[in-house]
């Protein structure tokens, strides 16, 4: 997968420990929020606890690690437009704190590696776009998570995803004629 980054990830956005204290981790805890993708269920995200996410960085779903960024349909890593809405849960953290690319250093490094993170940071600080190719491991994990979302299957930790699991999941979907979740109608 080819990903492009925009300079807007340089904007101030307090999505770190301080910002989470202000919003109380609403993106993972509030019913009817849009993140993580399973938080719309009445019980919220299965992996959320009173101390935050029970998953380590290497096990969290890609979309959770990226939030408030997301990869749009054209493969561009952008700030989620819901963050700007005056009634949305992130509104108090927009234009506050350090640049988003800095506050998300650990997550971006986990997903793309130290070299790509530094290149993304350098490009955003210079006001330039940056394009890079993701690893095969990232692509495999992304494909698996998209299948789970599309067919409303439980998402497992990223460290357990392998090619065999992807094939088993596809086979399960075919054998059981799973319905597509209303929240993700097209596989991306």
N, C-alpha and C. Protein backbone atom coordinates (compact mmCIF):
# COMPACT_ATOMS: atom_id res chain seq x y z
N UNK A 1 0.84 -1.16 0.00
CA UNK A 1 0.00 0.00 0.00
C UNK A 1 0.90 1.24 0.00
N UNK A 2 0.54 2.21 -0.82
CA UNK A 2 1.25 3.48 -0.86
C UNK A 2 0.45 4.48 -0.01
N UNK A 3 1.13 5.13 0.93
CA UNK A 3 0.49 6.11 1.80
C UNK A 3 1.14 7.47 1.57
N UNK A 4 0.29 8.48 1.49
CA UNK A 4 0.75 9.87 1.39
C UNK A 4 0.39 10.56 2.70
N UNK A 5 1.26 11.44 3.14
CA UNK A 5 0.94 12.23 4.34
C UNK A 5 0.86 13.69 3.93
N UNK A 6 -0.01 14.43 4.61
CA UNK A 6 -0.17 15.85 4.34
C UNK A 6 0.49 16.66 5.44
N UNK A 7 0.82 17.89 5.15
CA UNK A 7 1.41 18.74 6.20
C UNK A 7 0.46 19.01 7.37
N UNK A 8 -0.84 18.73 7.21
CA UNK A 8 -1.78 19.04 8.30
C UNK A 8 -1.57 18.18 9.53
N UNK A 9 -0.76 17.13 9.45
CA UNK A 9 -0.48 16.36 10.67
C UNK A 9 0.50 17.10 11.58
N UNK A 10 0.93 18.28 11.14
CA UNK A 10 1.78 19.14 11.96
C UNK A 10 0.94 20.02 12.89
N UNK A 11 -0.38 20.04 12.69
CA UNK A 11 -1.24 20.91 13.50
C UNK A 11 -1.21 20.51 14.98
N UNK A 12 -1.36 21.48 15.87
CA UNK A 12 -1.44 21.15 17.30
C UNK A 12 -2.70 20.33 17.58
N UNK A 13 -2.51 19.23 18.26
CA UNK A 13 -3.63 18.35 18.60
C UNK A 13 -3.20 17.55 19.81
N UNK A 14 -3.85 17.75 20.92
CA UNK A 14 -3.43 17.15 22.19
C UNK A 14 -4.04 15.76 22.35
N UNK A 15 -3.46 14.80 21.63
CA UNK A 15 -3.93 13.42 21.72
C UNK A 15 -2.85 12.59 22.42
N UNK A 16 -2.54 13.02 23.63
CA UNK A 16 -1.57 12.30 24.46
C UNK A 16 -2.15 12.21 25.87
N UNK A 17 -1.34 11.89 26.83
CA UNK A 17 -1.85 11.69 28.19
C UNK A 17 -2.61 12.91 28.72
N UNK A 18 -2.09 14.11 28.47
CA UNK A 18 -2.77 15.32 28.96
C UNK A 18 -4.11 15.52 28.26
N UNK A 19 -4.13 15.35 26.96
CA UNK A 19 -5.36 15.52 26.21
C UNK A 19 -6.41 14.49 26.59
N UNK A 20 -5.96 13.28 26.84
CA UNK A 20 -6.89 12.21 27.22
C UNK A 20 -7.51 12.51 28.58
N UNK A 21 -6.77 13.15 29.46
CA UNK A 21 -7.36 13.56 30.75
C UNK A 21 -8.49 14.56 30.52
N UNK A 22 -8.31 15.44 29.55
CA UNK A 22 -9.30 16.46 29.26
C UNK A 22 -10.57 15.85 28.63
N UNK A 23 -10.40 14.90 27.72
CA UNK A 23 -11.56 14.31 27.04
C UNK A 23 -12.01 13.00 27.69
N UNK A 24 -11.25 12.53 28.67
CA UNK A 24 -11.56 11.29 29.39
C UNK A 24 -11.58 10.07 28.46
N UNK A 25 -10.75 10.09 27.42
CA UNK A 25 -10.67 8.96 26.49
C UNK A 25 -12.00 8.68 25.81
N UNK A 26 -12.74 9.72 25.50
CA UNK A 26 -14.10 9.57 24.96
C UNK A 26 -14.13 8.75 23.68
N UNK A 27 -13.07 8.77 22.89
CA UNK A 27 -13.09 8.02 21.63
C UNK A 27 -13.16 6.51 21.87
N UNK A 28 -12.76 6.06 23.03
CA UNK A 28 -12.81 4.63 23.34
C UNK A 28 -13.91 4.27 24.34
N UNK A 29 -14.55 5.27 24.94
CA UNK A 29 -15.47 4.94 26.02
C UNK A 29 -16.92 5.31 25.78
N UNK A 30 -17.17 6.31 24.97
CA UNK A 30 -18.55 6.78 24.80
C UNK A 30 -19.33 5.88 23.85
N UNK A 31 -20.57 5.63 24.21
CA UNK A 31 -21.46 4.90 23.31
C UNK A 31 -21.78 5.80 22.13
N UNK A 32 -21.91 5.20 20.98
CA UNK A 32 -22.23 5.88 19.73
C UNK A 32 -21.09 6.74 19.20
N UNK A 33 -19.87 6.53 19.70
CA UNK A 33 -18.74 7.21 19.07
C UNK A 33 -18.35 6.38 17.86
N UNK A 34 -17.42 6.86 17.10
CA UNK A 34 -17.03 6.18 15.88
C UNK A 34 -15.68 5.49 16.02
N UNK A 35 -15.07 5.58 17.18
CA UNK A 35 -13.73 5.00 17.32
C UNK A 35 -13.58 4.36 18.67
N UNK A 36 -12.89 3.26 18.82
CA UNK A 36 -12.49 2.41 17.71
C UNK A 36 -13.72 1.86 17.01
N UNK A 37 -13.50 1.14 15.97
CA UNK A 37 -14.62 0.74 15.12
C UNK A 37 -15.66 -0.11 15.83
N UNK A 38 -15.32 -0.70 16.95
CA UNK A 38 -16.28 -1.51 17.71
C UNK A 38 -16.88 -0.74 18.88
N UNK A 39 -16.55 0.51 19.05
CA UNK A 39 -17.05 1.26 20.19
C UNK A 39 -18.53 1.60 20.07
N UNK A 40 -19.10 1.38 18.89
CA UNK A 40 -20.53 1.67 18.73
C UNK A 40 -21.39 0.66 19.48
N UNK A 41 -20.83 -0.45 19.89
CA UNK A 41 -21.61 -1.44 20.63
C UNK A 41 -21.91 -0.90 22.02
N UNK A 42 -23.05 -1.27 22.61
CA UNK A 42 -23.43 -0.73 23.92
C UNK A 42 -22.36 -0.92 24.99
N UNK A 43 -21.60 -1.99 24.91
CA UNK A 43 -20.58 -2.23 25.91
C UNK A 43 -19.29 -1.47 25.62
N UNK A 44 -19.23 -0.77 24.50
CA UNK A 44 -18.01 -0.06 24.12
C UNK A 44 -16.96 -1.03 23.62
N UNK A 45 -15.72 -0.60 23.57
CA UNK A 45 -14.63 -1.44 23.08
C UNK A 45 -14.32 -2.53 24.10
N UNK A 46 -14.24 -3.76 23.64
CA UNK A 46 -13.97 -4.91 24.50
C UNK A 46 -12.64 -4.76 25.24
N UNK A 47 -11.66 -4.15 24.60
CA UNK A 47 -10.32 -4.05 25.17
C UNK A 47 -10.14 -2.86 26.11
N UNK A 48 -11.17 -2.04 26.25
CA UNK A 48 -11.07 -0.87 27.12
C UNK A 48 -11.33 -1.27 28.57
N UNK A 49 -10.55 -0.71 29.47
CA UNK A 49 -10.75 -0.96 30.91
C UNK A 49 -10.69 0.38 31.64
N UNK A 50 -10.85 0.35 32.93
CA UNK A 50 -10.81 1.60 33.70
C UNK A 50 -9.45 2.26 33.63
N UNK A 51 -8.42 1.52 33.26
CA UNK A 51 -7.06 2.07 33.14
C UNK A 51 -6.69 2.35 31.68
N UNK A 52 -7.65 2.26 30.80
CA UNK A 52 -7.37 2.50 29.38
C UNK A 52 -7.32 1.19 28.61
N UNK A 53 -6.68 1.23 27.47
CA UNK A 53 -6.61 0.06 26.59
C UNK A 53 -5.77 -1.05 27.22
N UNK A 54 -6.32 -2.26 27.18
CA UNK A 54 -5.61 -3.41 27.74
C UNK A 54 -4.59 -3.99 26.76
N UNK A 55 -4.62 -3.53 25.51
CA UNK A 55 -3.69 -4.03 24.51
C UNK A 55 -2.42 -3.20 24.48
N UNK A 56 -1.30 -3.85 24.23
CA UNK A 56 -0.03 -3.14 24.07
C UNK A 56 -0.02 -2.47 22.70
N UNK A 57 0.94 -1.59 22.48
CA UNK A 57 1.03 -0.90 21.18
C UNK A 57 1.11 -1.88 20.02
N UNK A 58 1.88 -2.96 20.18
CA UNK A 58 2.05 -3.91 19.08
C UNK A 58 0.80 -4.76 18.81
N UNK A 59 -0.18 -4.72 19.72
CA UNK A 59 -1.40 -5.51 19.53
C UNK A 59 -2.63 -4.68 19.15
N UNK A 60 -2.59 -3.38 19.33
CA UNK A 60 -3.76 -2.55 19.04
C UNK A 60 -4.07 -2.54 17.55
N UNK A 61 -5.35 -2.48 17.19
CA UNK A 61 -5.71 -2.39 15.77
C UNK A 61 -5.11 -1.14 15.13
N UNK A 62 -4.86 -1.22 13.85
CA UNK A 62 -4.24 -0.13 13.11
C UNK A 62 -5.06 1.15 13.24
N UNK A 63 -6.37 1.06 13.05
CA UNK A 63 -7.19 2.27 13.11
C UNK A 63 -7.17 2.92 14.50
N UNK A 64 -7.04 2.12 15.54
CA UNK A 64 -6.94 2.68 16.89
C UNK A 64 -5.61 3.41 17.07
N UNK A 65 -4.53 2.83 16.55
CA UNK A 65 -3.23 3.48 16.67
C UNK A 65 -3.18 4.77 15.86
N UNK A 66 -3.89 4.82 14.76
CA UNK A 66 -3.85 6.01 13.91
C UNK A 66 -4.73 7.15 14.41
N UNK A 67 -5.79 6.86 15.16
CA UNK A 67 -6.74 7.90 15.53
C UNK A 67 -6.06 9.01 16.32
N UNK A 68 -6.27 10.25 16.01
CA UNK A 68 -7.31 10.86 15.19
C UNK A 68 -6.97 10.99 13.71
N UNK A 69 -5.92 10.31 13.27
CA UNK A 69 -5.63 10.24 11.84
C UNK A 69 -6.34 9.04 11.25
N UNK A 70 -6.53 9.03 9.95
CA UNK A 70 -7.01 7.84 9.28
C UNK A 70 -6.54 7.87 7.84
N UNK A 71 -6.54 6.70 7.21
CA UNK A 71 -6.13 6.57 5.82
C UNK A 71 -7.39 6.66 4.99
N UNK A 72 -7.52 7.72 4.20
CA UNK A 72 -8.74 7.88 3.41
C UNK A 72 -8.73 6.99 2.16
N UNK A 73 -9.76 7.08 1.37
CA UNK A 73 -9.92 6.22 0.19
C UNK A 73 -8.83 6.36 -0.85
N UNK A 74 -8.14 7.50 -0.87
CA UNK A 74 -7.06 7.68 -1.84
C UNK A 74 -5.68 7.37 -1.24
N UNK A 75 -5.67 6.78 -0.04
CA UNK A 75 -4.41 6.38 0.59
C UNK A 75 -3.66 7.51 1.25
N UNK A 76 -4.35 8.57 1.62
CA UNK A 76 -3.71 9.71 2.28
C UNK A 76 -3.99 9.66 3.77
N UNK A 77 -2.95 9.85 4.55
CA UNK A 77 -3.06 9.88 6.01
C UNK A 77 -3.44 11.31 6.41
N UNK A 78 -4.67 11.48 6.88
CA UNK A 78 -5.19 12.82 7.18
C UNK A 78 -5.81 12.84 8.57
N UNK A 79 -6.05 14.04 9.08
CA UNK A 79 -6.75 14.21 10.36
C UNK A 79 -8.22 13.92 10.10
N UNK A 80 -8.81 13.11 10.96
CA UNK A 80 -10.22 12.74 10.81
C UNK A 80 -11.09 13.98 10.86
N UNK A 81 -11.98 14.15 9.89
CA UNK A 81 -12.78 15.37 9.83
C UNK A 81 -13.74 15.50 11.01
N UNK A 82 -14.06 14.42 11.69
CA UNK A 82 -14.95 14.52 12.85
C UNK A 82 -14.28 15.27 14.00
N UNK A 83 -12.98 15.34 13.99
CA UNK A 83 -12.26 16.03 15.06
C UNK A 83 -12.56 17.52 15.07
N UNK A 84 -12.90 18.06 13.92
CA UNK A 84 -13.14 19.50 13.82
C UNK A 84 -14.57 19.90 14.18
N UNK A 85 -15.47 18.95 14.17
CA UNK A 85 -16.88 19.27 14.39
C UNK A 85 -17.08 19.78 15.81
N UNK A 86 -17.86 20.86 15.97
CA UNK A 86 -18.00 21.49 17.29
C UNK A 86 -18.68 20.61 18.32
N UNK A 87 -19.40 19.57 17.90
CA UNK A 87 -20.07 18.69 18.86
C UNK A 87 -19.33 17.36 19.05
N UNK A 88 -18.20 17.19 18.40
CA UNK A 88 -17.53 15.91 18.50
C UNK A 88 -16.60 15.86 19.71
N UNK A 89 -16.25 14.66 20.11
CA UNK A 89 -15.51 14.43 21.35
C UNK A 89 -14.09 14.98 21.37
N UNK A 90 -13.49 15.19 20.21
CA UNK A 90 -12.10 15.67 20.16
C UNK A 90 -12.00 17.18 20.16
N UNK A 91 -13.09 17.88 20.07
CA UNK A 91 -13.08 19.33 19.84
C UNK A 91 -12.21 20.10 20.82
N UNK A 92 -12.13 19.68 22.09
CA UNK A 92 -11.35 20.41 23.09
C UNK A 92 -9.85 20.19 22.94
N UNK A 93 -9.45 19.21 22.14
CA UNK A 93 -8.03 18.90 21.97
C UNK A 93 -7.46 19.45 20.66
N UNK A 94 -8.30 19.98 19.78
CA UNK A 94 -7.84 20.54 18.52
C UNK A 94 -7.18 21.89 18.78
N UNK A 95 -6.04 22.11 18.13
CA UNK A 95 -5.25 23.35 18.26
C UNK A 95 -4.77 23.59 19.69
N UNK A 96 -4.54 22.51 20.43
CA UNK A 96 -4.00 22.58 21.78
C UNK A 96 -2.82 21.61 21.86
N UNK A 97 -1.77 22.01 22.54
CA UNK A 97 -0.66 21.10 22.79
C UNK A 97 0.35 21.03 21.67
N UNK A 98 1.07 19.93 21.64
CA UNK A 98 2.14 19.74 20.67
C UNK A 98 1.58 19.31 19.32
N UNK A 99 2.39 19.40 18.26
CA UNK A 99 1.92 18.95 16.95
C UNK A 99 1.52 17.47 16.98
N UNK A 100 0.51 17.15 16.22
CA UNK A 100 -0.01 15.79 16.19
C UNK A 100 1.07 14.78 15.83
N UNK A 101 1.93 15.12 14.89
CA UNK A 101 2.99 14.20 14.48
C UNK A 101 3.92 13.88 15.66
N UNK A 102 4.07 14.82 16.59
CA UNK A 102 4.90 14.57 17.78
C UNK A 102 4.16 13.74 18.82
N UNK A 103 2.90 14.08 19.09
CA UNK A 103 2.16 13.35 20.11
C UNK A 103 1.86 11.92 19.68
N UNK A 104 1.92 11.65 18.38
CA UNK A 104 1.65 10.29 17.89
C UNK A 104 2.92 9.53 17.52
N UNK A 105 4.06 9.99 17.99
CA UNK A 105 5.34 9.39 17.63
C UNK A 105 5.35 7.88 17.87
N UNK A 106 4.96 7.43 19.06
CA UNK A 106 5.01 6.01 19.39
C UNK A 106 4.12 5.18 18.47
N UNK A 107 2.93 5.67 18.20
CA UNK A 107 1.99 4.93 17.35
C UNK A 107 2.47 4.87 15.90
N UNK A 108 2.94 6.01 15.37
CA UNK A 108 3.41 6.02 13.99
C UNK A 108 4.68 5.19 13.83
N UNK A 109 5.55 5.22 14.83
CA UNK A 109 6.76 4.39 14.79
C UNK A 109 6.39 2.91 14.85
N UNK A 110 5.44 2.55 15.68
CA UNK A 110 4.99 1.17 15.78
C UNK A 110 4.46 0.66 14.44
N UNK A 111 3.69 1.48 13.76
CA UNK A 111 3.08 1.05 12.50
C UNK A 111 4.03 1.10 11.31
N UNK A 112 4.84 2.15 11.22
CA UNK A 112 5.61 2.36 10.00
C UNK A 112 7.12 2.28 10.18
N UNK A 113 7.61 2.24 11.40
CA UNK A 113 9.04 2.17 11.65
C UNK A 113 9.64 3.55 11.92
N UNK A 114 10.79 3.55 12.57
CA UNK A 114 11.46 4.79 12.97
C UNK A 114 11.85 5.63 11.75
N UNK A 115 12.38 4.99 10.71
CA UNK A 115 12.82 5.73 9.52
C UNK A 115 11.66 6.48 8.88
N UNK A 116 10.53 5.80 8.69
CA UNK A 116 9.37 6.45 8.06
C UNK A 116 8.80 7.54 8.96
N UNK A 117 8.78 7.29 10.27
CA UNK A 117 8.30 8.34 11.18
C UNK A 117 9.12 9.61 11.04
N UNK A 118 10.45 9.48 11.04
CA UNK A 118 11.31 10.66 10.93
C UNK A 118 11.10 11.37 9.60
N UNK A 119 10.89 10.61 8.53
CA UNK A 119 10.63 11.21 7.22
C UNK A 119 9.28 11.94 7.21
N UNK A 120 8.27 11.35 7.83
CA UNK A 120 6.94 11.98 7.93
C UNK A 120 7.06 13.28 8.71
N UNK A 121 7.76 13.23 9.83
CA UNK A 121 7.93 14.41 10.69
C UNK A 121 8.67 15.51 9.95
N UNK A 122 9.76 15.16 9.28
CA UNK A 122 10.55 16.14 8.54
C UNK A 122 9.71 16.80 7.43
N UNK A 123 8.96 15.99 6.69
CA UNK A 123 8.13 16.53 5.61
C UNK A 123 7.04 17.44 6.15
N UNK A 124 6.37 17.02 7.22
CA UNK A 124 5.29 17.85 7.77
C UNK A 124 5.82 19.16 8.33
N UNK A 125 6.99 19.14 8.96
CA UNK A 125 7.59 20.37 9.48
C UNK A 125 7.98 21.33 8.36
N UNK A 126 8.32 20.77 7.21
CA UNK A 126 8.71 21.58 6.05
C UNK A 126 7.50 21.98 5.21
N UNK A 127 6.31 21.52 5.60
CA UNK A 127 5.11 21.85 4.84
C UNK A 127 4.97 21.06 3.55
N UNK A 128 5.63 19.89 3.48
CA UNK A 128 5.59 19.07 2.27
C UNK A 128 4.77 17.82 2.48
N UNK A 129 4.28 17.28 1.41
CA UNK A 129 3.65 15.97 1.41
C UNK A 129 4.76 14.92 1.41
N UNK A 130 4.46 13.73 1.90
CA UNK A 130 5.44 12.64 1.90
C UNK A 130 4.72 11.37 1.48
N UNK A 131 5.36 10.58 0.63
CA UNK A 131 4.78 9.33 0.13
C UNK A 131 5.73 8.19 0.44
N UNK A 132 5.16 7.08 0.93
CA UNK A 132 5.99 5.91 1.23
C UNK A 132 5.17 4.63 1.04
N UNK A 133 5.86 3.52 0.94
CA UNK A 133 5.20 2.23 0.80
C UNK A 133 5.23 1.49 2.13
N UNK A 134 4.09 0.94 2.51
CA UNK A 134 4.01 0.21 3.78
C UNK A 134 4.63 -1.18 3.63
N UNK A 135 4.87 -1.82 4.76
CA UNK A 135 5.45 -3.15 4.74
C UNK A 135 4.38 -4.20 4.43
N UNK A 136 4.82 -5.38 4.06
CA UNK A 136 3.90 -6.48 3.80
C UNK A 136 3.12 -6.84 5.07
N UNK A 137 3.79 -6.76 6.21
CA UNK A 137 3.13 -7.05 7.49
C UNK A 137 1.99 -6.07 7.75
N UNK A 138 2.23 -4.78 7.53
CA UNK A 138 1.18 -3.77 7.70
C UNK A 138 0.00 -4.06 6.76
N UNK A 139 0.31 -4.35 5.51
CA UNK A 139 -0.75 -4.62 4.52
C UNK A 139 -1.59 -5.84 4.92
N UNK A 140 -0.94 -6.87 5.42
CA UNK A 140 -1.63 -8.08 5.87
C UNK A 140 -2.54 -7.78 7.05
N UNK A 141 -2.02 -7.03 8.02
CA UNK A 141 -2.82 -6.67 9.19
C UNK A 141 -4.01 -5.81 8.80
N UNK A 142 -3.78 -4.88 7.89
CA UNK A 142 -4.86 -3.99 7.43
C UNK A 142 -5.95 -4.80 6.72
N UNK A 143 -5.55 -5.72 5.87
CA UNK A 143 -6.52 -6.54 5.15
C UNK A 143 -7.34 -7.40 6.12
N UNK A 144 -6.68 -7.97 7.11
CA UNK A 144 -7.39 -8.78 8.11
C UNK A 144 -8.39 -7.93 8.89
N UNK A 145 -7.96 -6.77 9.37
CA UNK A 145 -8.86 -5.91 10.14
C UNK A 145 -10.04 -5.44 9.30
N UNK A 146 -9.80 -5.13 8.03
CA UNK A 146 -10.91 -4.72 7.15
C UNK A 146 -11.92 -5.85 6.97
N UNK A 147 -11.42 -7.09 6.84
CA UNK A 147 -12.33 -8.23 6.73
C UNK A 147 -13.17 -8.38 8.00
N UNK A 148 -12.52 -8.25 9.15
CA UNK A 148 -13.24 -8.38 10.42
C UNK A 148 -14.31 -7.31 10.57
N UNK A 149 -14.00 -6.10 10.15
CA UNK A 149 -14.97 -5.02 10.24
C UNK A 149 -16.10 -5.25 9.25
N UNK A 150 -15.74 -5.58 8.04
CA UNK A 150 -16.76 -5.77 7.00
C UNK A 150 -17.75 -6.87 7.37
N UNK A 151 -17.25 -7.97 7.91
CA UNK A 151 -18.11 -9.11 8.22
C UNK A 151 -18.45 -9.23 9.70
N UNK A 152 -18.18 -8.18 10.45
CA UNK A 152 -18.53 -8.11 11.86
C UNK A 152 -17.98 -9.28 12.67
N UNK A 153 -16.70 -9.56 12.46
CA UNK A 153 -16.00 -10.61 13.20
C UNK A 153 -15.16 -9.96 14.30
N UNK A 154 -14.85 -10.69 15.35
CA UNK A 154 -14.01 -10.10 16.41
C UNK A 154 -12.60 -9.84 15.89
N UNK A 155 -12.06 -8.71 16.27
CA UNK A 155 -10.69 -8.39 15.87
C UNK A 155 -9.75 -8.96 16.93
N UNK A 156 -8.70 -9.62 16.47
CA UNK A 156 -7.71 -10.18 17.39
C UNK A 156 -6.50 -9.26 17.43
N UNK A 157 -5.63 -9.40 18.42
CA UNK A 157 -4.43 -8.56 18.50
C UNK A 157 -3.57 -8.68 17.24
N UNK A 158 -2.96 -7.56 16.84
CA UNK A 158 -2.17 -7.52 15.61
C UNK A 158 -1.01 -8.50 15.62
N UNK A 159 -0.42 -8.76 16.77
CA UNK A 159 0.74 -9.66 16.82
C UNK A 159 0.38 -11.10 16.45
N UNK A 160 -0.90 -11.43 16.47
CA UNK A 160 -1.34 -12.79 16.14
C UNK A 160 -1.75 -12.96 14.69
N UNK A 161 -1.72 -11.88 13.91
CA UNK A 161 -2.17 -11.95 12.53
C UNK A 161 -1.05 -12.50 11.65
N UNK A 162 -1.39 -13.49 10.84
CA UNK A 162 -0.45 -14.08 9.90
C UNK A 162 -1.20 -14.45 8.63
N UNK A 163 -0.49 -14.85 7.59
CA UNK A 163 -1.14 -15.20 6.32
C UNK A 163 -2.13 -16.34 6.50
N UNK A 164 -1.78 -17.32 7.33
CA UNK A 164 -2.68 -18.45 7.55
C UNK A 164 -4.00 -17.99 8.16
N UNK A 165 -3.92 -17.06 9.12
CA UNK A 165 -5.13 -16.56 9.75
C UNK A 165 -6.00 -15.81 8.74
N UNK A 166 -5.36 -15.06 7.85
CA UNK A 166 -6.11 -14.34 6.83
C UNK A 166 -6.86 -15.34 5.94
N UNK A 167 -6.20 -16.42 5.56
CA UNK A 167 -6.85 -17.44 4.72
C UNK A 167 -7.98 -18.12 5.48
N UNK A 168 -7.77 -18.43 6.76
CA UNK A 168 -8.83 -19.04 7.57
C UNK A 168 -10.03 -18.12 7.68
N UNK A 169 -9.77 -16.84 7.87
CA UNK A 169 -10.86 -15.86 7.99
C UNK A 169 -11.66 -15.78 6.70
N UNK A 170 -10.96 -15.72 5.57
CA UNK A 170 -11.66 -15.68 4.28
C UNK A 170 -12.48 -16.95 4.08
N UNK A 171 -11.93 -18.09 4.48
CA UNK A 171 -12.65 -19.36 4.37
C UNK A 171 -13.87 -19.38 5.26
N UNK A 172 -13.76 -18.85 6.46
CA UNK A 172 -14.89 -18.79 7.39
C UNK A 172 -16.02 -17.95 6.81
N UNK A 173 -15.66 -16.83 6.24
CA UNK A 173 -16.66 -15.94 5.64
C UNK A 173 -17.41 -16.65 4.52
N UNK A 174 -16.69 -17.35 3.67
CA UNK A 174 -17.32 -18.06 2.55
C UNK A 174 -18.21 -19.19 3.07
N UNK A 175 -17.71 -19.98 4.02
CA UNK A 175 -18.47 -21.13 4.53
C UNK A 175 -19.74 -20.72 5.26
N UNK A 176 -19.68 -19.62 6.00
CA UNK A 176 -20.80 -19.23 6.83
C UNK A 176 -21.64 -18.09 6.25
N UNK A 177 -21.29 -17.66 5.04
CA UNK A 177 -22.07 -16.64 4.35
C UNK A 177 -22.36 -15.45 5.28
N UNK A 178 -21.32 -14.91 5.90
CA UNK A 178 -21.48 -13.82 6.86
C UNK A 178 -22.07 -12.58 6.20
N UNK A 179 -22.93 -11.88 6.93
CA UNK A 179 -23.50 -10.63 6.45
C UNK A 179 -22.51 -9.50 6.66
N UNK A 180 -22.60 -8.49 5.82
CA UNK A 180 -21.73 -7.33 5.93
C UNK A 180 -22.27 -6.39 7.00
N UNK A 181 -21.38 -5.94 7.86
CA UNK A 181 -21.75 -4.98 8.90
C UNK A 181 -22.25 -3.69 8.27
N UNK A 182 -23.26 -3.07 8.85
CA UNK A 182 -23.77 -1.79 8.36
C UNK A 182 -22.73 -0.68 8.49
N UNK A 183 -21.74 -0.88 9.34
CA UNK A 183 -20.75 0.17 9.61
C UNK A 183 -19.59 0.14 8.63
N UNK A 184 -19.54 -0.86 7.77
CA UNK A 184 -18.41 -0.95 6.83
C UNK A 184 -18.87 -1.73 5.61
N UNK A 185 -19.53 -1.07 4.71
CA UNK A 185 -20.19 -1.76 3.60
C UNK A 185 -19.24 -2.17 2.49
N UNK A 186 -18.10 -1.52 2.33
CA UNK A 186 -17.18 -1.89 1.25
C UNK A 186 -15.82 -2.20 1.82
N UNK A 187 -15.24 -3.29 1.37
CA UNK A 187 -13.88 -3.63 1.79
C UNK A 187 -12.93 -2.66 1.09
N UNK A 188 -12.07 -2.04 1.84
CA UNK A 188 -11.17 -1.04 1.26
C UNK A 188 -9.84 -1.67 0.95
